[in-house]
Structure formats: structure tokens, C-alpha cells
Amino acid sequence: MLGIINGEVAKLALKEKAIIISLDSDFLQLNKSLQKKSCIIYFKIHPRDPKKIRDLLYNGLKKYASKLSTPCKLIISEENIILDEMR
């Protein structure tokens, strides 16, 4: 769905009960009502190396998979993983 705005992606993800996985930091700035309902995994990594992203995702999911059933932001970088539970 090229050209769809982030808020619409978030609404679609909520409707489909999906997790947003993105390299776009704008998803961390969704309006508050969408943030309180969404689950977002954001990769803060440069350069964008698909193999590195895969490995970081695997490690992040091993540690935080149980948290992804509730609204949260999971920010994954090479240095650390930050979980922000939206309560």
C-alpha cells in the first residue's frame, strides 16, 4: 500500500491485530490515542543491513515476545533494546 500515511498503517494494524515493524522513527510519534493501542517495533540501525536487522529482531523477540501482546514500543538498536509499555 504505497503512499499510505503512518496513522492509517497504525489503524490497519490495530484492525488486523498486527505488530508494526519499521525502520521509520515517525511511527514513534503517532498521536497519543493510536500509541496507547499499538504495538510497534522500531529498528534504530544505520546502515540498514537486512542480516543485522534479522539477528536483532530474533534476539529482541526471544527476550520480549511475551510483551508484544499489549500496546508497547520496542526500540531495537545494536547497542540495546528499550521497551516502552504503553499504559
PDB file of N, CA and C in Angstrom:
ATOM      1  N   MET A   1       0.843  -1.175   0.000  1.00  0.00           N
ATOM      2  CA  MET A   1       0.000   0.000   0.000  1.00  0.00           C
ATOM      3  C   MET A   1       0.886   1.235   0.000  1.00  0.00           C
ATOM      4  N   LEU A   2       1.516   1.489  -1.101  1.00  0.00           N
ATOM      5  CA  LEU A   2       2.385   2.660  -1.211  1.00  0.00           C
ATOM      6  C   LEU A   2       1.600   3.945  -1.007  1.00  0.00           C
ATOM      7  N   GLY A   3       2.225   4.889  -0.324  1.00  0.00           N
ATOM      8  CA  GLY A   3       1.609   6.195  -0.141  1.00  0.00           C
ATOM      9  C   GLY A   3       0.680   6.289   1.051  1.00  0.00           C
ATOM     10  N   ILE A   4       0.458   5.220   1.775  1.00  0.00           N
ATOM     11  CA  ILE A   4      -0.417   5.263   2.943  1.00  0.00           C
ATOM     12  C   ILE A   4       0.325   5.965   4.094  1.00  0.00           C
ATOM     13  N   ILE A   5      -0.385   6.820   4.815  1.00  0.00           N
ATOM     14  CA  ILE A   5       0.251   7.560   5.909  1.00  0.00           C
ATOM     15  C   ILE A   5       0.358   6.677   7.154  1.00  0.00           C
ATOM     16  N   ASN A   6       1.287   7.029   8.037  1.00  0.00           N
ATOM     17  CA  ASN A   6       1.572   6.206   9.210  1.00  0.00           C
ATOM     18  C   ASN A   6       0.349   5.971  10.091  1.00  0.00           C
ATOM     19  N   GLY A   7      -0.466   6.992  10.269  1.00  0.00           N
ATOM     20  CA  GLY A   7      -1.671   6.828  11.093  1.00  0.00           C
ATOM     21  C   GLY A   7      -2.608   5.785  10.511  1.00  0.00           C
ATOM     22  N   GLU A   8      -2.715   5.752   9.200  1.00  0.00           N
ATOM     23  CA  GLU A   8      -3.567   4.753   8.548  1.00  0.00           C
ATOM     24  C   GLU A   8      -2.961   3.353   8.673  1.00  0.00           C
ATOM     25  N   VAL A   9      -1.627   3.272   8.597  1.00  0.00           N
ATOM     26  CA  VAL A   9      -0.952   1.986   8.805  1.00  0.00           C
ATOM     27  C   VAL A   9      -1.259   1.487  10.213  1.00  0.00           C
ATOM     28  N   ALA A  10      -1.178   2.383  11.194  1.00  0.00           N
ATOM     29  CA  ALA A  10      -1.448   2.003  12.577  1.00  0.00           C
ATOM     30  C   ALA A  10      -2.891   1.539  12.748  1.00  0.00           C
ATOM     31  N   LYS A  11      -3.834   2.244  12.142  1.00  0.00           N
ATOM     32  CA  LYS A  11      -5.242   1.840  12.235  1.00  0.00           C
ATOM     33  C   LYS A  11      -5.460   0.476  11.596  1.00  0.00           C
ATOM     34  N   LEU A  12      -4.828   0.239  10.460  1.00  0.00           N
ATOM     35  CA  LEU A  12      -4.930  -1.052   9.793  1.00  0.00           C
ATOM     36  C   LEU A  12      -4.312  -2.155  10.653  1.00  0.00           C
ATOM     37  N   ALA A  13      -3.159  -1.870  11.259  1.00  0.00           N
ATOM     38  CA  ALA A  13      -2.511  -2.849  12.138  1.00  0.00           C
ATOM     39  C   ALA A  13      -3.418  -3.192  13.323  1.00  0.00           C
ATOM     40  N   LEU A  14      -4.075  -2.190  13.895  1.00  0.00           N
ATOM     41  CA  LEU A  14      -5.000  -2.446  15.004  1.00  0.00           C
ATOM     42  C   LEU A  14      -6.161  -3.325  14.552  1.00  0.00           C
ATOM     43  N   LYS A  15      -6.695  -3.009  13.409  1.00  0.00           N
ATOM     44  CA  LYS A  15      -7.821  -3.783  12.867  1.00  0.00           C
ATOM     45  C   LYS A  15      -7.419  -5.238  12.630  1.00  0.00           C
ATOM     46  N   GLU A  16      -6.203  -5.442  12.138  1.00  0.00           N
ATOM     47  CA  GLU A  16      -5.716  -6.783  11.815  1.00  0.00           C
ATOM     48  C   GLU A  16      -5.025  -7.460  13.008  1.00  0.00           C
ATOM     49  N   LYS A  17      -4.947  -6.750  14.146  1.00  0.00           N
ATOM     50  CA  LYS A  17      -4.241  -7.244  15.334  1.00  0.00           C
ATOM     51  C   LYS A  17      -2.801  -7.595  14.996  1.00  0.00           C
ATOM     52  N   ALA A  18      -2.156  -6.677  14.276  1.00  0.00           N
ATOM     53  CA  ALA A  18      -0.787  -6.872  13.803  1.00  0.00           C
ATOM     54  C   ALA A  18       0.180  -5.954  14.543  1.00  0.00           C
ATOM     55  N   ILE A  19       1.429  -6.325  14.505  1.00  0.00           N
ATOM     56  CA  ILE A  19       2.514  -5.527  15.068  1.00  0.00           C
ATOM     57  C   ILE A  19       3.158  -4.741  13.931  1.00  0.00           C
ATOM     58  N   ILE A  20       3.437  -3.481  14.173  1.00  0.00           N
ATOM     59  CA  ILE A  20       4.132  -2.659  13.187  1.00  0.00           C
ATOM     60  C   ILE A  20       5.629  -2.844  13.396  1.00  0.00           C
ATOM     61  N   ILE A  21       6.332  -3.235  12.346  1.00  0.00           N
ATOM     62  CA  ILE A  21       7.789  -3.354  12.373  1.00  0.00           C
ATOM     63  C   ILE A  21       8.315  -2.354  11.356  1.00  0.00           C
ATOM     64  N   SER A  22       9.167  -1.437  11.814  1.00  0.00           N
ATOM     65  CA  SER A  22       9.547  -0.337  10.935  1.00  0.00           C
ATOM     66  C   SER A  22      10.975   0.135  11.160  1.00  0.00           C
ATOM     67  N   LEU A  23      11.516   0.743  10.122  1.00  0.00           N
ATOM     68  CA  LEU A  23      12.778   1.464  10.194  1.00  0.00           C
ATOM     69  C   LEU A  23      12.513   2.973  10.202  1.00  0.00           C
ATOM     70  N   ASP A  24      11.250   3.344  10.261  1.00  0.00           N
ATOM     71  CA  ASP A  24      10.800   4.739  10.203  1.00  0.00           C
ATOM     72  C   ASP A  24      10.480   5.233  11.615  1.00  0.00           C
ATOM     73  N   SER A  25      11.293   6.138  12.131  1.00  0.00           N
ATOM     74  CA  SER A  25      11.093   6.634  13.501  1.00  0.00           C
ATOM     75  C   SER A  25       9.802   7.431  13.657  1.00  0.00           C
ATOM     76  N   ASP A  26       9.183   7.842  12.557  1.00  0.00           N
ATOM     77  CA  ASP A  26       7.921   8.572  12.650  1.00  0.00           C
ATOM     78  C   ASP A  26       6.834   7.748  13.334  1.00  0.00           C
ATOM     79  N   PHE A  27       6.941   6.424  13.293  1.00  0.00           N
ATOM     80  CA  PHE A  27       5.941   5.591  13.968  1.00  0.00           C
ATOM     81  C   PHE A  27       5.995   5.763  15.485  1.00  0.00           C
ATOM     82  N   LEU A  28       7.093   6.260  15.995  1.00  0.00           N
ATOM     83  CA  LEU A  28       7.202   6.513  17.436  1.00  0.00           C
ATOM     84  C   LEU A  28       6.478   7.789  17.835  1.00  0.00           C
ATOM     85  N   GLN A  29       6.053   8.573  16.842  1.00  0.00           N
ATOM     86  CA  GLN A  29       5.398   9.851  17.083  1.00  0.00           C
ATOM     87  C   GLN A  29       3.919   9.844  16.704  1.00  0.00           C
ATOM     88  N   LEU A  30       3.296   8.670  16.641  1.00  0.00           N
ATOM     89  CA  LEU A  30       1.867   8.607  16.330  1.00  0.00           C
ATOM     90  C   LEU A  30       1.088   9.400  17.365  1.00  0.00           C
ATOM     91  N   ASN A  31      -0.134   9.798  17.021  1.00  0.00           N
ATOM     92  CA  ASN A  31      -0.926  10.522  18.020  1.00  0.00           C
ATOM     93  C   ASN A  31      -1.167   9.617  19.230  1.00  0.00           C
ATOM     94  N   LYS A  32      -1.383  10.234  20.365  1.00  0.00           N
ATOM     95  CA  LYS A  32      -1.444   9.512  21.647  1.00  0.00           C
ATOM     96  C   LYS A  32      -2.491   8.402  21.658  1.00  0.00           C
ATOM     97  N   SER A  33      -3.642   8.617  21.038  1.00  0.00           N
ATOM     98  CA  SER A  33      -4.682   7.589  21.069  1.00  0.00           C
ATOM     99  C   SER A  33      -4.245   6.339  20.307  1.00  0.00           C
ATOM    100  N   LEU A  34      -3.516   6.506  19.208  1.00  0.00           N
ATOM    101  CA  LEU A  34      -3.008   5.343  18.471  1.00  0.00           C
ATOM    102  C   LEU A  34      -1.841   4.695  19.214  1.00  0.00           C
ATOM    103  N   GLN A  35      -0.987   5.504  19.830  1.00  0.00           N
ATOM    104  CA  GLN A  35       0.144   4.949  20.583  1.00  0.00           C
ATOM    105  C   GLN A  35      -0.330   4.049  21.718  1.00  0.00           C
ATOM    106  N   LYS A  36      -1.402   4.451  22.373  1.00  0.00           N
ATOM    107  CA  LYS A  36      -1.900   3.690  23.522  1.00  0.00           C
ATOM    108  C   LYS A  36      -2.511   2.348  23.129  1.00  0.00           C
ATOM    109  N   LYS A  37      -2.722   2.128  21.825  1.00  0.00           N
ATOM    110  CA  LYS A  37      -3.331   0.893  21.349  1.00  0.00           C
ATOM    111  C   LYS A  37      -2.377   0.043  20.513  1.00  0.00           C
ATOM    112  N   SER A  38      -1.291   0.630  20.019  1.00  0.00           N
ATOM    113  CA  SER A  38      -0.434  -0.030  19.033  1.00  0.00           C
ATOM    114  C   SER A  38       0.754  -0.747  19.655  1.00  0.00           C
ATOM    115  N   CYS A  39       1.254  -1.711  18.911  1.00  0.00           N
ATOM    116  CA  CYS A  39       2.496  -2.384  19.245  1.00  0.00           C
ATOM    117  C   CYS A  39       3.455  -2.116  18.087  1.00  0.00           C
ATOM    118  N   ILE A  40       4.565  -1.444  18.396  1.00  0.00           N
ATOM    119  CA  ILE A  40       5.499  -1.005  17.367  1.00  0.00           C
ATOM    120  C   ILE A  40       6.896  -1.498  17.696  1.00  0.00           C
ATOM    121  N   ILE A  41       7.532  -2.102  16.712  1.00  0.00           N
ATOM    122  CA  ILE A  41       8.943  -2.461  16.817  1.00  0.00           C
ATOM    123  C   ILE A  41       9.683  -1.551  15.844  1.00  0.00           C
ATOM    124  N   TYR A  42      10.562  -0.740  16.383  1.00  0.00           N
ATOM    125  CA  TYR A  42      11.321   0.198  15.565  1.00  0.00           C
ATOM    126  C   TYR A  42      12.797  -0.173  15.618  1.00  0.00           C
ATOM    127  N   PHE A  43      13.415  -0.271  14.444  1.00  0.00           N
ATOM    128  CA  PHE A  43      14.840  -0.549  14.352  1.00  0.00           C
ATOM    129  C   PHE A  43      15.600   0.745  14.141  1.00  0.00           C
ATOM    130  N   LYS A  44      16.451   1.042  15.094  1.00  0.00           N
ATOM    131  CA  LYS A  44      17.310   2.227  15.025  1.00  0.00           C
ATOM    132  C   LYS A  44      18.694   1.721  14.627  1.00  0.00           C
ATOM    133  N   ILE A  45      18.877   1.561  13.328  1.00  0.00           N
ATOM    134  CA  ILE A  45      20.116   0.963  12.844  1.00  0.00           C
ATOM    135  C   ILE A  45      20.540   1.613  11.523  1.00  0.00           C
ATOM    136  N   HIS A  46      21.821   1.961  11.453  1.00  0.00           N
ATOM    137  CA  HIS A  46      22.399   2.530  10.236  1.00  0.00           C
ATOM    138  C   HIS A  46      23.808   1.989  10.090  1.00  0.00           C
ATOM    139  N   PRO A  47      24.200   1.526   8.944  1.00  0.00           N
ATOM    140  CA  PRO A  47      23.375   1.380   7.743  1.00  0.00           C
ATOM    141  C   PRO A  47      22.369   0.245   7.919  1.00  0.00           C
ATOM    142  N   ARG A  48      21.376   0.245   7.085  1.00  0.00           N
ATOM    143  CA  ARG A  48      20.304  -0.755   7.148  1.00  0.00           C
ATOM    144  C   ARG A  48      20.774  -2.061   6.520  1.00  0.00           C
ATOM    145  N   ASP A  49      21.215  -2.939   7.352  1.00  0.00           N
ATOM    146  CA  ASP A  49      21.738  -4.234   6.925  1.00  0.00           C
ATOM    147  C   ASP A  49      20.695  -5.303   7.249  1.00  0.00           C
ATOM    148  N   PRO A  50      20.066  -5.906   6.242  1.00  0.00           N
ATOM    149  CA  PRO A  50      18.996  -6.887   6.491  1.00  0.00           C
ATOM    150  C   PRO A  50      19.417  -8.038   7.405  1.00  0.00           C
ATOM    151  N   LYS A  51      20.627  -8.520   7.279  1.00  0.00           N
ATOM    152  CA  LYS A  51      21.079  -9.628   8.139  1.00  0.00           C
ATOM    153  C   LYS A  51      21.195  -9.178   9.582  1.00  0.00           C
ATOM    154  N   LYS A  52      21.701  -7.980   9.791  1.00  0.00           N
ATOM    155  CA  LYS A  52      21.825  -7.448  11.145  1.00  0.00           C
ATOM    156  C   LYS A  52      20.437  -7.213  11.747  1.00  0.00           C
ATOM    157  N   ILE A  53      19.525  -6.685  10.942  1.00  0.00           N
ATOM    158  CA  ILE A  53      18.155  -6.466  11.405  1.00  0.00           C
ATOM    159  C   ILE A  53      17.508  -7.791  11.792  1.00  0.00           C
ATOM    160  N   ARG A  54      17.697  -8.809  10.967  1.00  0.00           N
ATOM    161  CA  ARG A  54      17.151 -10.140  11.270  1.00  0.00           C
ATOM    162  C   ARG A  54      17.666 -10.643  12.612  1.00  0.00           C
ATOM    163  N   ASP A  55      18.964 -10.531  12.833  1.00  0.00           N
ATOM    164  CA  ASP A  55      19.557 -11.007  14.083  1.00  0.00           C
ATOM    165  C   ASP A  55      19.051 -10.204  15.283  1.00  0.00           C
ATOM    166  N   LEU A  56      18.963  -8.890  15.119  1.00  0.00           N
ATOM    167  CA  LEU A  56      18.458  -8.052  16.214  1.00  0.00           C
ATOM    168  C   LEU A  56      16.995  -8.373  16.518  1.00  0.00           C
ATOM    169  N   LEU A  57      16.204  -8.609  15.483  1.00  0.00           N
ATOM    170  CA  LEU A  57      14.799  -8.965  15.680  1.00  0.00           C
ATOM    171  C   LEU A  57      14.693 -10.292  16.419  1.00  0.00           C
ATOM    172  N   TYR A  58      15.462 -11.253  16.014  1.00  0.00           N
ATOM    173  CA  TYR A  58      15.445 -12.565  16.670  1.00  0.00           C
ATOM    174  C   TYR A  58      15.774 -12.425  18.159  1.00  0.00           C
ATOM    175  N   ASN A  59      16.831 -11.699  18.472  1.00  0.00           N
ATOM    176  CA  ASN A  59      17.225 -11.514  19.878  1.00  0.00           C
ATOM    177  C   ASN A  59      16.180 -10.726  20.658  1.00  0.00           C
ATOM    178  N   GLY A  60      15.607  -9.708  20.023  1.00  0.00           N
ATOM    179  CA  GLY A  60      14.563  -8.926  20.685  1.00  0.00           C
ATOM    180  C   GLY A  60      13.319  -9.740  20.960  1.00  0.00           C
ATOM    181  N   LEU A  61      12.949 -10.580  20.003  1.00  0.00           N
ATOM    182  CA  LEU A  61      11.751 -11.403  20.190  1.00  0.00           C
ATOM    183  C   LEU A  61      11.973 -12.473  21.249  1.00  0.00           C
ATOM    184  N   LYS A  62      13.171 -13.007  21.323  1.00  0.00           N
ATOM    185  CA  LYS A  62      13.457 -14.002  22.365  1.00  0.00           C
ATOM    186  C   LYS A  62      13.204 -13.412  23.745  1.00  0.00           C
ATOM    187  N   LYS A  63      13.617 -12.173  23.904  1.00  0.00           N
ATOM    188  CA  LYS A  63      13.530 -11.544  25.226  1.00  0.00           C
ATOM    189  C   LYS A  63      12.167 -10.915  25.512  1.00  0.00           C
ATOM    190  N   TYR A  64      11.506 -10.350  24.477  1.00  0.00           N
ATOM    191  CA  TYR A  64      10.323  -9.533  24.714  1.00  0.00           C
ATOM    192  C   TYR A  64       9.034 -10.037  24.063  1.00  0.00           C
ATOM    193  N   ALA A  65       9.032 -11.210  23.500  1.00  0.00           N
ATOM    194  CA  ALA A  65       7.845 -11.712  22.786  1.00  0.00           C
ATOM    195  C   ALA A  65       6.588 -11.665  23.654  1.00  0.00           C
ATOM    196  N   SER A  66       6.700 -11.979  24.910  1.00  0.00           N
ATOM    197  CA  SER A  66       5.523 -12.004  25.789  1.00  0.00           C
ATOM    198  C   SER A  66       4.924 -10.608  25.989  1.00  0.00           C
ATOM    199  N   LYS A  67       5.701  -9.573  25.799  1.00  0.00           N
ATOM    200  CA  LYS A  67       5.223  -8.197  25.989  1.00  0.00           C
ATOM    201  C   LYS A  67       4.489  -7.666  24.759  1.00  0.00           C
ATOM    202  N   LEU A  68       4.642  -8.326  23.615  1.00  0.00           N
ATOM    203  CA  LEU A  68       4.117  -7.795  22.363  1.00  0.00           C
ATOM    204  C   LEU A  68       2.620  -8.043  22.174  1.00  0.00           C
ATOM    205  N   SER A  69       1.982  -8.635  23.148  1.00  0.00           N
ATOM    206  CA  SER A  69       0.532  -8.815  23.061  1.00  0.00           C
ATOM    207  C   SER A  69      -0.223  -7.616  23.640  1.00  0.00           C
ATOM    208  N   THR A  70       0.512  -6.682  24.207  1.00  0.00           N
ATOM    209  CA  THR A  70      -0.084  -5.459  24.743  1.00  0.00           C
ATOM    210  C   THR A  70       0.562  -4.255  24.055  1.00  0.00           C
ATOM    211  N   PRO A  71      -0.100  -3.104  24.053  1.00  0.00           N
ATOM    212  CA  PRO A  71       0.471  -1.926  23.405  1.00  0.00           C
ATOM    213  C   PRO A  71       1.845  -1.563  23.979  1.00  0.00           C
ATOM    214  N   CYS A  72       2.794  -1.376  23.076  1.00  0.00           N
ATOM    215  CA  CYS A  72       4.148  -1.032  23.505  1.00  0.00           C
ATOM    216  C   CYS A  72       4.955  -0.528  22.317  1.00  0.00           C
ATOM    217  N   LYS A  73       6.098   0.047  22.652  1.00  0.00           N
ATOM    218  CA  LYS A  73       7.106   0.395  21.658  1.00  0.00           C
ATOM    219  C   LYS A  73       8.356  -0.377  22.043  1.00  0.00           C
ATOM    220  N   LEU A  74       8.910  -1.106  21.098  1.00  0.00           N
ATOM    221  CA  LEU A  74      10.152  -1.818  21.295  1.00  0.00           C
ATOM    222  C   LEU A  74      11.160  -1.179  20.338  1.00  0.00           C
ATOM    223  N   ILE A  75      12.150  -0.514  20.893  1.00  0.00           N
ATOM    224  CA  ILE A  75      13.148   0.175  20.097  1.00  0.00           C
ATOM    225  C   ILE A  75      14.428  -0.654  20.149  1.00  0.00           C
ATOM    226  N   ILE A  76      14.824  -1.150  18.989  1.00  0.00           N
ATOM    227  CA  ILE A  76      15.961  -2.062  18.914  1.00  0.00           C
ATOM    228  C   ILE A  76      17.105  -1.380  18.160  1.00  0.00           C
ATOM    229  N   SER A  77      18.254  -1.337  18.810  1.00  0.00           N
ATOM    230  CA  SER A  77      19.461  -0.835  18.155  1.00  0.00           C
ATOM    231  C   SER A  77      20.566  -1.860  18.393  1.00  0.00           C
ATOM    232  N   GLU A  78      21.715  -1.612  17.819  1.00  0.00           N
ATOM    233  CA  GLU A  78      22.831  -2.525  18.038  1.00  0.00           C
ATOM    234  C   GLU A  78      23.326  -2.463  19.478  1.00  0.00           C
ATOM    235  N   GLU A  79      23.131  -1.335  20.134  1.00  0.00           N
ATOM    236  CA  GLU A  79      23.626  -1.146  21.492  1.00  0.00           C
ATOM    237  C   GLU A  79      22.686  -1.714  22.555  1.00  0.00           C
ATOM    238  N   ASN A  80      21.360  -1.574  22.335  1.00  0.00           N
ATOM    239  CA  ASN A  80      20.423  -2.018  23.364  1.00  0.00           C
ATOM    240  C   ASN A  80      19.015  -2.178  22.807  1.00  0.00           C
ATOM    241  N   ILE A  81      18.139  -2.630  23.683  1.00  0.00           N
ATOM    242  CA  ILE A  81      16.715  -2.756  23.371  1.00  0.00           C
ATOM    243  C   ILE A  81      15.957  -2.024  24.468  1.00  0.00           C
ATOM    244  N   ILE A  82      15.067  -1.129  24.063  1.00  0.00           N
ATOM    245  CA  ILE A  82      14.280  -0.365  25.030  1.00  0.00           C
ATOM    246  C   ILE A  82      12.815  -0.732  24.840  1.00  0.00           C
ATOM    247  N   LEU A  83      12.178  -1.124  25.914  1.00  0.00           N
ATOM    248  CA  LEU A  83      10.751  -1.434  25.897  1.00  0.00           C
ATOM    249  C   LEU A  83      10.013  -0.319  26.614  1.00  0.00           C
ATOM    250  N   ASP A  84       9.048   0.255  25.924  1.00  0.00           N
ATOM    251  CA  ASP A  84       8.191   1.288  26.495  1.00  0.00           C
ATOM    252  C   ASP A  84       6.768   0.741  26.455  1.00  0.00           C
ATOM    253  N   GLU A  85       6.304   0.270  27.610  1.00  0.00           N
ATOM    254  CA  GLU A  85       4.943  -0.265  27.673  1.00  0.00           C
ATOM    255  C   GLU A  85       3.965   0.891  27.775  1.00  0.00           C
ATOM    256  N   MET A  86       2.971   0.889  26.913  1.00  0.00           N
ATOM    257  CA  MET A  86       2.008   1.986  26.843  1.00  0.00           C
ATOM    258  C   MET A  86       0.859   1.704  27.812  1.00  0.00           C
ATOM    259  N   ARG A  87       0.938   2.275  28.969  1.00  0.00           N
ATOM    260  CA  ARG A  87      -0.111   2.068  29.977  1.00  0.00           C
ATOM    261  C   ARG A  87      -0.770   3.361  30.315  1.00  0.00           C
TER     262      ARG A  87
END
